[in-house]
Amino acid sequence: MSITLVVVDDQATIREALAVMLDLDADVDVVGTASNGAQAVAVVAEHRPDVVLMDLNMPVMDGVEATGRIRQANPDVKVVVLTTFDDDESILAALQAGASGYLTKEADRATILQAVRTASFGQAVLAPEVQLRLLALATRTGRAADPAGGPMVTLTAREQEILRLIGEGLRNPEIAADLVISEATVKTHINNLFAKAGLHSRADAVRYALGVPGPGAPPARGKQAGANLRTPRR
């Protein structure tokens, strides 16, 4: 079954090129396009795609606001940002609005397709340079360990290690290899930390690890900066 996709970009040449390029893939069906955030909200309401590929800097309504509105009205629709901007403010705003992924327009076709597929499964996807910026920001600035601003949960050292590796974008086999444990053990720890922290997906876990509030979350209260990210590897 194809992944249905809406492409949003205010530049017609880029929007059309992306739509044609991605629609050529057997796994992807581009069901609509939009030139600004307001159009994106309307197109998504009409087609209910699996994934939206979203630009940020657009007229009428920008990509951050559009992402928030789409995610609030259609929680099952995943948004992957594709933009020229990789500054901290843009990245955090998009993730807080509910984006499941963040790529820059330097990404090639294979990377974009993989991001669309990954997002359709409810998993987070961040460009390597974006991950590095967020991890540096979490260490540098006092982002809260609990992005929802709720009570601090107590994770074991191993759960903190696994959460940090999820935040770095590692998959279960890679985490197992990194920590020299079985994949079954990794899954058990992930289930436990998801239950403790009230997480529902790896996208939630990435936001939690980076101290980024999810859509609709209240501002985080001040706590130890990057607390979930600094557990040393064993």
C-alpha atoms as a PDB file:
ATOM      1  CA  MET A   1       0.000   0.000   0.000  1.00  0.00           C
ATOM      2  CA  SER A   2       1.422   3.380  -1.042  1.00  0.00           C
ATOM      3  CA  ILE A   3       2.269   6.160   1.389  1.00  0.00           C
ATOM      4  CA  THR A   4       0.082   9.153   0.560  1.00  0.00           C
ATOM      5  CA  LEU A   5       1.960  12.446   0.566  1.00  0.00           C
ATOM      6  CA  VAL A   6       1.258  16.171   0.310  1.00  0.00           C
ATOM      7  CA  VAL A   7       4.119  18.464  -0.770  1.00  0.00           C
ATOM      8  CA  VAL A   8       4.148  22.044   0.544  1.00  0.00           C
ATOM      9  CA  ASP A   9       6.533  24.709  -0.781  1.00  0.00           C
ATOM     10  CA  ASP A  10       5.969  28.300  -1.873  1.00  0.00           C
ATOM     11  CA  GLN A  11       8.385  28.000  -4.812  1.00  0.00           C
ATOM     12  CA  ALA A  12       6.531  26.397  -7.697  1.00  0.00           C
ATOM     13  CA  THR A  13       9.604  24.900  -9.351  1.00  0.00           C
ATOM     14  CA  ILE A  14      10.726  23.198  -6.138  1.00  0.00           C
ATOM     15  CA  ARG A  15       7.204  22.062  -5.241  1.00  0.00           C
ATOM     16  CA  GLU A  16       6.548  20.567  -8.661  1.00  0.00           C
ATOM     17  CA  ALA A  17       9.988  18.952  -8.889  1.00  0.00           C
ATOM     18  CA  LEU A  18       9.559  17.333  -5.481  1.00  0.00           C
ATOM     19  CA  ALA A  19       6.066  16.114  -6.322  1.00  0.00           C
ATOM     20  CA  VAL A  20       7.185  14.540  -9.613  1.00  0.00           C
ATOM     21  CA  MET A  21      10.377  13.087  -8.159  1.00  0.00           C
ATOM     22  CA  LEU A  22       8.718  11.509  -5.131  1.00  0.00           C
ATOM     23  CA  ASP A  23       5.636  10.308  -7.002  1.00  0.00           C
ATOM     24  CA  LEU A  24       7.897   8.211  -9.224  1.00  0.00           C
ATOM     25  CA  ASP A  25       8.635   5.948  -6.269  1.00  0.00           C
ATOM     26  CA  ALA A  26       6.414   2.874  -6.115  1.00  0.00           C
ATOM     27  CA  ASP A  27       5.851   3.337  -2.371  1.00  0.00           C
ATOM     28  CA  VAL A  28       4.713   6.955  -2.564  1.00  0.00           C
ATOM     29  CA  ASP A  29       1.540   8.530  -3.963  1.00  0.00           C
ATOM     30  CA  VAL A  30       1.563  12.351  -4.045  1.00  0.00           C
ATOM     31  CA  VAL A  31      -2.103  13.261  -3.543  1.00  0.00           C
ATOM     32  CA  GLY A  32      -1.782  17.025  -3.356  1.00  0.00           C
ATOM     33  CA  THR A  33       0.458  20.088  -3.209  1.00  0.00           C
ATOM     34  CA  ALA A  34       0.200  23.508  -1.568  1.00  0.00           C
ATOM     35  CA  SER A  35       2.043  26.810  -1.930  1.00  0.00           C
ATOM     36  CA  ASN A  36       1.551  28.098   1.630  1.00  0.00           C
ATOM     37  CA  GLY A  37       0.549  26.932   5.078  1.00  0.00           C
ATOM     38  CA  ALA A  38      -3.115  27.867   4.776  1.00  0.00           C
ATOM     39  CA  GLN A  39      -3.432  25.862   1.559  1.00  0.00           C
ATOM     40  CA  ALA A  40      -1.593  22.989   3.239  1.00  0.00           C
ATOM     41  CA  VAL A  41      -4.151  22.857   6.063  1.00  0.00           C
ATOM     42  CA  ALA A  42      -6.987  22.751   3.520  1.00  0.00           C
ATOM     43  CA  VAL A  43      -5.314  20.142   1.286  1.00  0.00           C
ATOM     44  CA  VAL A  44      -4.567  17.893   4.252  1.00  0.00           C
ATOM     45  CA  ALA A  45      -8.166  18.190   5.470  1.00  0.00           C
ATOM     46  CA  GLU A  46      -9.336  17.115   2.016  1.00  0.00           C
ATOM     47  CA  HIS A  47      -6.934  14.241   1.341  1.00  0.00           C
ATOM     48  CA  ARG A  48      -5.858  13.073   4.838  1.00  0.00           C
ATOM     49  CA  PRO A  49      -2.396  11.978   3.659  1.00  0.00           C
ATOM     50  CA  ASP A  50      -0.030   9.811   5.662  1.00  0.00           C
ATOM     51  CA  VAL A  51       2.775  12.379   5.485  1.00  0.00           C
ATOM     52  CA  VAL A  52       3.208  16.075   4.680  1.00  0.00           C
ATOM     53  CA  LEU A  53       6.532  17.389   3.357  1.00  0.00           C
ATOM     54  CA  MET A  54       6.530  20.936   4.729  1.00  0.00           C
ATOM     55  CA  ASP A  55       8.544  24.051   3.893  1.00  0.00           C
ATOM     56  CA  LEU A  56       8.867  26.639   6.676  1.00  0.00           C
ATOM     57  CA  ASN A  57       9.227  30.140   5.240  1.00  0.00           C
ATOM     58  CA  MET A  58       6.032  30.740   3.250  1.00  0.00           C
ATOM     59  CA  PRO A  59       3.498  33.562   2.775  1.00  0.00           C
ATOM     60  CA  VAL A  60       0.000  33.684   4.306  1.00  0.00           C
ATOM     61  CA  MET A  61       0.848  31.042   6.921  1.00  0.00           C
ATOM     62  CA  ASP A  62       4.302  29.687   7.668  1.00  0.00           C
ATOM     63  CA  GLY A  63       5.204  26.031   8.009  1.00  0.00           C
ATOM     64  CA  VAL A  64       5.403  26.018  11.795  1.00  0.00           C
ATOM     65  CA  GLU A  65       1.856  27.303  12.257  1.00  0.00           C
ATOM     66  CA  ALA A  66       0.585  24.991   9.510  1.00  0.00           C
ATOM     67  CA  THR A  67       2.297  22.019  11.153  1.00  0.00           C
ATOM     68  CA  GLY A  68       0.650  22.798  14.484  1.00  0.00           C
ATOM     69  CA  ARG A  69      -2.806  23.154  12.938  1.00  0.00           C
ATOM     70  CA  ILE A  70      -2.438  19.982  10.882  1.00  0.00           C
ATOM     71  CA  ARG A  71      -1.250  17.925  13.837  1.00  0.00           C
ATOM     72  CA  GLN A  72      -4.013  19.217  16.114  1.00  0.00           C
ATOM     73  CA  ALA A  73      -6.743  18.470  13.583  1.00  0.00           C
ATOM     74  CA  ASN A  74      -5.190  15.253  12.233  1.00  0.00           C
ATOM     75  CA  PRO A  75      -2.953  13.590  14.844  1.00  0.00           C
ATOM     76  CA  ASP A  76      -2.292  10.617  12.558  1.00  0.00           C
ATOM     77  CA  VAL A  77      -0.811  12.793   9.800  1.00  0.00           C
ATOM     78  CA  LYS A  78       2.967  13.047  10.090  1.00  0.00           C
ATOM     79  CA  VAL A  79       4.882  16.158   9.069  1.00  0.00           C
ATOM     80  CA  VAL A  80       8.459  16.177   7.798  1.00  0.00           C
ATOM     81  CA  VAL A  81       9.993  19.618   7.453  1.00  0.00           C
ATOM     82  CA  LEU A  82      12.141  20.228   4.357  1.00  0.00           C
ATOM     83  CA  THR A  83      13.668  23.690   4.498  1.00  0.00           C
ATOM     84  CA  THR A  84      16.767  25.769   3.888  1.00  0.00           C
ATOM     85  CA  PHE A  85      16.810  26.831   7.563  1.00  0.00           C
ATOM     86  CA  ASP A  86      18.791  24.847  10.141  1.00  0.00           C
ATOM     87  CA  ASP A  87      18.969  27.410  12.942  1.00  0.00           C
ATOM     88  CA  ASP A  88      18.050  26.409  16.500  1.00  0.00           C
ATOM     89  CA  GLU A  89      14.895  28.544  16.619  1.00  0.00           C
ATOM     90  CA  SER A  90      13.413  27.060  13.439  1.00  0.00           C
ATOM     91  CA  ILE A  91      14.216  23.485  14.435  1.00  0.00           C
ATOM     92  CA  LEU A  92      12.775  23.793  17.930  1.00  0.00           C
ATOM     93  CA  ALA A  93       9.659  25.599  16.706  1.00  0.00           C
ATOM     94  CA  ALA A  94       8.936  22.915  14.110  1.00  0.00           C
ATOM     95  CA  LEU A  95       9.446  20.033  16.526  1.00  0.00           C
ATOM     96  CA  GLN A  96       7.349  21.742  19.202  1.00  0.00           C
ATOM     97  CA  ALA A  97       4.580  22.196  16.632  1.00  0.00           C
ATOM     98  CA  GLY A  98       4.577  18.435  16.106  1.00  0.00           C
ATOM     99  CA  ALA A  99       6.910  17.724  13.194  1.00  0.00           C
ATOM    100  CA  SER A 100       8.192  14.155  13.114  1.00  0.00           C
ATOM    101  CA  GLY A 101      11.210  15.001  11.009  1.00  0.00           C
ATOM    102  CA  TYR A 102      13.459  17.846   9.966  1.00  0.00           C
ATOM    103  CA  LEU A 103      15.603  17.859   6.829  1.00  0.00           C
ATOM    104  CA  THR A 104      17.408  20.616   4.984  1.00  0.00           C
ATOM    105  CA  LYS A 105      17.029  21.079   1.244  1.00  0.00           C
ATOM    106  CA  GLU A 106      20.522  19.731   0.755  1.00  0.00           C
ATOM    107  CA  ALA A 107      19.010  16.262   1.278  1.00  0.00           C
ATOM    108  CA  ASP A 108      19.007  14.040  -1.795  1.00  0.00           C
ATOM    109  CA  ARG A 109      16.062  12.061  -3.177  1.00  0.00           C
ATOM    110  CA  ALA A 110      16.964   8.871  -1.314  1.00  0.00           C
ATOM    111  CA  THR A 111      17.199  10.703   2.010  1.00  0.00           C
ATOM    112  CA  ILE A 112      13.854  12.443   1.504  1.00  0.00           C
ATOM    113  CA  LEU A 113      12.146   9.189   0.512  1.00  0.00           C
ATOM    114  CA  GLN A 114      13.570   7.411   3.538  1.00  0.00           C
ATOM    115  CA  ALA A 115      12.382  10.244   5.779  1.00  0.00           C
ATOM    116  CA  VAL A 116       8.866   9.978   4.341  1.00  0.00           C
ATOM    117  CA  ARG A 117       8.827   6.217   4.891  1.00  0.00           C
ATOM    118  CA  THR A 118      10.221   6.535   8.413  1.00  0.00           C
ATOM    119  CA  ALA A 119       7.702   9.216   9.375  1.00  0.00           C
ATOM    120  CA  SER A 120       4.820   7.141   7.998  1.00  0.00           C
ATOM    121  CA  PHE A 121       5.690   4.476  10.590  1.00  0.00           C
ATOM    122  CA  GLY A 122       5.486   7.050  13.378  1.00  0.00           C
ATOM    123  CA  GLN A 123       9.233   7.330  13.823  1.00  0.00           C
ATOM    124  CA  ALA A 124      11.331  10.460  14.107  1.00  0.00           C
ATOM    125  CA  VAL A 125      13.830  11.415  11.443  1.00  0.00           C
ATOM    126  CA  LEU A 126      16.332  14.234  11.831  1.00  0.00           C
ATOM    127  CA  ALA A 127      19.136  15.205   9.487  1.00  0.00           C
ATOM    128  CA  PRO A 128      22.524  14.469  11.130  1.00  0.00           C
ATOM    129  CA  GLU A 129      23.396  18.162  11.275  1.00  0.00           C
ATOM    130  CA  VAL A 130      20.046  18.879  12.945  1.00  0.00           C
ATOM    131  CA  GLN A 131      20.644  16.185  15.565  1.00  0.00           C
ATOM    132  CA  LEU A 132      24.035  17.695  16.370  1.00  0.00           C
ATOM    133  CA  ARG A 133      22.554  21.179  16.774  1.00  0.00           C
ATOM    134  CA  LEU A 134      19.803  19.935  19.055  1.00  0.00           C
ATOM    135  CA  LEU A 135      22.116  17.850  21.202  1.00  0.00           C
ATOM    136  CA  ALA A 136      24.473  20.814  21.541  1.00  0.00           C
ATOM    137  CA  LEU A 137      21.536  23.065  22.406  1.00  0.00           C
ATOM    138  CA  ALA A 138      20.215  20.659  25.022  1.00  0.00           C
ATOM    139  CA  THR A 139      23.615  20.608  26.711  1.00  0.00           C
ATOM    140  CA  ARG A 140      24.179  24.350  26.386  1.00  0.00           C
ATOM    141  CA  THR A 141      20.906  25.932  27.340  1.00  0.00           C
ATOM    142  CA  GLY A 142      18.909  24.466  30.187  1.00  0.00           C
ATOM    143  CA  ARG A 143      16.215  22.705  28.168  1.00  0.00           C
ATOM    144  CA  ALA A 144      14.062  20.766  30.593  1.00  0.00           C
ATOM    145  CA  ALA A 145      14.484  17.022  30.932  1.00  0.00           C
ATOM    146  CA  ASP A 146      10.704  16.691  30.970  1.00  0.00           C
ATOM    147  CA  PRO A 147       9.390  18.601  27.929  1.00  0.00           C
ATOM    148  CA  ALA A 148       5.787  18.497  29.114  1.00  0.00           C
ATOM    149  CA  GLY A 149       6.675  20.281  32.317  1.00  0.00           C
ATOM    150  CA  GLY A 150       5.172  17.497  34.407  1.00  0.00           C
ATOM    151  CA  PRO A 151       6.702  15.610  37.313  1.00  0.00           C
ATOM    152  CA  MET A 152      10.243  14.358  36.788  1.00  0.00           C
ATOM    153  CA  VAL A 153      10.244  10.632  36.129  1.00  0.00           C
ATOM    154  CA  THR A 154      12.998   8.366  37.406  1.00  0.00           C
ATOM    155  CA  LEU A 155      14.720   6.346  34.695  1.00  0.00           C
ATOM    156  CA  THR A 156      17.358   3.758  35.349  1.00  0.00           C
ATOM    157  CA  ALA A 157      20.875   4.426  34.089  1.00  0.00           C
ATOM    158  CA  ARG A 158      20.329   1.941  31.268  1.00  0.00           C
ATOM    159  CA  GLU A 159      17.007   3.539  30.301  1.00  0.00           C
ATOM    160  CA  GLN A 160      18.711   6.939  30.203  1.00  0.00           C
ATOM    161  CA  GLU A 161      21.440   5.527  27.979  1.00  0.00           C
ATOM    162  CA  ILE A 162      18.872   4.068  25.597  1.00  0.00           C
ATOM    163  CA  LEU A 163      16.838   7.273  25.589  1.00  0.00           C
ATOM    164  CA  ARG A 164      19.952   9.252  24.690  1.00  0.00           C
ATOM    165  CA  LEU A 165      20.757   6.881  21.830  1.00  0.00           C
ATOM    166  CA  ILE A 166      17.180   7.148  20.542  1.00  0.00           C
ATOM    167  CA  GLY A 167      17.644  10.925  20.632  1.00  0.00           C
ATOM    168  CA  GLU A 168      20.753  10.477  18.482  1.00  0.00           C
ATOM    169  CA  GLY A 169      18.650   8.614  15.915  1.00  0.00           C
ATOM    170  CA  LEU A 170      19.867   5.060  16.534  1.00  0.00           C
ATOM    171  CA  ARG A 171      17.583   2.104  15.779  1.00  0.00           C
ATOM    172  CA  ASN A 172      17.170  -0.918  18.073  1.00  0.00           C
ATOM    173  CA  PRO A 173      19.868  -3.091  16.419  1.00  0.00           C
ATOM    174  CA  GLU A 174      22.332  -0.191  16.594  1.00  0.00           C
ATOM    175  CA  ILE A 175      21.484   0.460  20.252  1.00  0.00           C
ATOM    176  CA  ALA A 176      21.938  -3.230  21.036  1.00  0.00           C
ATOM    177  CA  ALA A 177      25.345  -3.246  19.350  1.00  0.00           C
ATOM    178  CA  ASP A 178      26.408  -0.015  21.034  1.00  0.00           C
ATOM    179  CA  LEU A 179      25.496  -1.260  24.533  1.00  0.00           C
ATOM    180  CA  VAL A 180      26.442  -4.901  23.872  1.00  0.00           C
ATOM    181  CA  ILE A 181      23.021  -6.229  24.830  1.00  0.00           C
ATOM    182  CA  SER A 182      20.339  -8.137  22.927  1.00  0.00           C
ATOM    183  CA  GLU A 183      17.624  -6.452  20.853  1.00  0.00           C
ATOM    184  CA  ALA A 184      15.040  -8.116  23.106  1.00  0.00           C
ATOM    185  CA  THR A 185      16.608  -6.387  26.114  1.00  0.00           C
ATOM    186  CA  VAL A 186      16.609  -3.066  24.259  1.00  0.00           C
ATOM    187  CA  LYS A 187      12.886  -3.485  23.494  1.00  0.00           C
ATOM    188  CA  THR A 188      12.155  -4.246  27.152  1.00  0.00           C
ATOM    189  CA  HIS A 189      13.973  -1.109  28.310  1.00  0.00           C
ATOM    190  CA  ILE A 190      12.221   0.993  25.656  1.00  0.00           C
ATOM    191  CA  ASN A 191       8.811  -0.323  26.724  1.00  0.00           C
ATOM    192  CA  ASN A 192       9.630   0.499  30.330  1.00  0.00           C
ATOM    193  CA  LEU A 193      10.867   4.029  29.675  1.00  0.00           C
ATOM    194  CA  PHE A 194       7.931   4.740  27.333  1.00  0.00           C
ATOM    195  CA  ALA A 195       5.535   3.681  30.094  1.00  0.00           C
ATOM    196  CA  LYS A 196       7.327   5.774  32.742  1.00  0.00           C
ATOM    197  CA  ALA A 197       7.597   8.927  30.622  1.00  0.00           C
ATOM    198  CA  GLY A 198       4.199   8.613  28.940  1.00  0.00           C
ATOM    199  CA  LEU A 199       5.698   8.316  25.453  1.00  0.00           C
ATOM    200  CA  HIS A 200       3.860   6.780  22.516  1.00  0.00           C
ATOM    201  CA  SER A 201       6.398   6.770  19.678  1.00  0.00           C
ATOM    202  CA  ARG A 202      10.078   7.216  18.893  1.00  0.00           C
ATOM    203  CA  ALA A 203       9.231  10.732  17.726  1.00  0.00           C
ATOM    204  CA  ASP A 204       7.967  11.441  21.260  1.00  0.00           C
ATOM    205  CA  ALA A 205      11.143   9.882  22.656  1.00  0.00           C
ATOM    206  CA  VAL A 206      13.381  12.097  20.523  1.00  0.00           C
ATOM    207  CA  ARG A 207      11.503  15.190  21.697  1.00  0.00           C
ATOM    208  CA  TYR A 208      11.708  13.995  25.296  1.00  0.00           C
ATOM    209  CA  ALA A 209      15.435  13.252  25.054  1.00  0.00           C
ATOM    210  CA  LEU A 210      16.085  16.690  23.563  1.00  0.00           C
ATOM    211  CA  GLY A 211      13.792  18.535  25.973  1.00  0.00           C
ATOM    212  CA  VAL A 212      11.486  19.702  23.165  1.00  0.00           C
ATOM    213  CA  PRO A 213       7.806  20.108  24.144  1.00  0.00           C
ATOM    214  CA  GLY A 214       5.285  18.309  21.993  1.00  0.00           C
ATOM    215  CA  PRO A 215       2.308  20.071  20.360  1.00  0.00           C
ATOM    216  CA  GLY A 216       0.051  21.656  22.947  1.00  0.00           C
ATOM    217  CA  ALA A 217       2.430  21.048  25.848  1.00  0.00           C
ATOM    218  CA  PRO A 218       2.793  23.785  28.455  1.00  0.00           C
ATOM    219  CA  PRO A 219       6.131  25.585  28.751  1.00  0.00           C
ATOM    220  CA  ALA A 220       8.669  23.394  30.514  1.00  0.00           C
ATOM    221  CA  ARG A 221       9.704  24.354  34.015  1.00  0.00           C
ATOM    222  CA  GLY A 222      13.370  24.850  34.772  1.00  0.00           C
ATOM    223  CA  LYS A 223      15.216  21.646  35.547  1.00  0.00           C
ATOM    224  CA  GLN A 224      18.680  20.280  35.044  1.00  0.00           C
ATOM    225  CA  ALA A 225      19.843  20.954  31.494  1.00  0.00           C
ATOM    226  CA  GLY A 226      19.930  17.972  29.192  1.00  0.00           C
ATOM    227  CA  ALA A 227      19.503  15.556  32.090  1.00  0.00           C
ATOM    228  CA  ASN A 228      18.534  12.631  29.882  1.00  0.00           C
ATOM    229  CA  LEU A 229      21.388  13.178  27.454  1.00  0.00           C
ATOM    230  CA  ARG A 230      24.466  13.119  29.572  1.00  0.00           C
ATOM    231  CA  THR A 231      24.568   9.620  31.016  1.00  0.00           C
ATOM    232  CA  PRO A 232      28.009   8.237  30.033  1.00  0.00           C
ATOM    233  CA  ARG A 233      28.175   5.109  27.911  1.00  0.00           C
ATOM    234  CA  ARG A 234      29.206   1.885  29.571  1.00  0.00           C
END
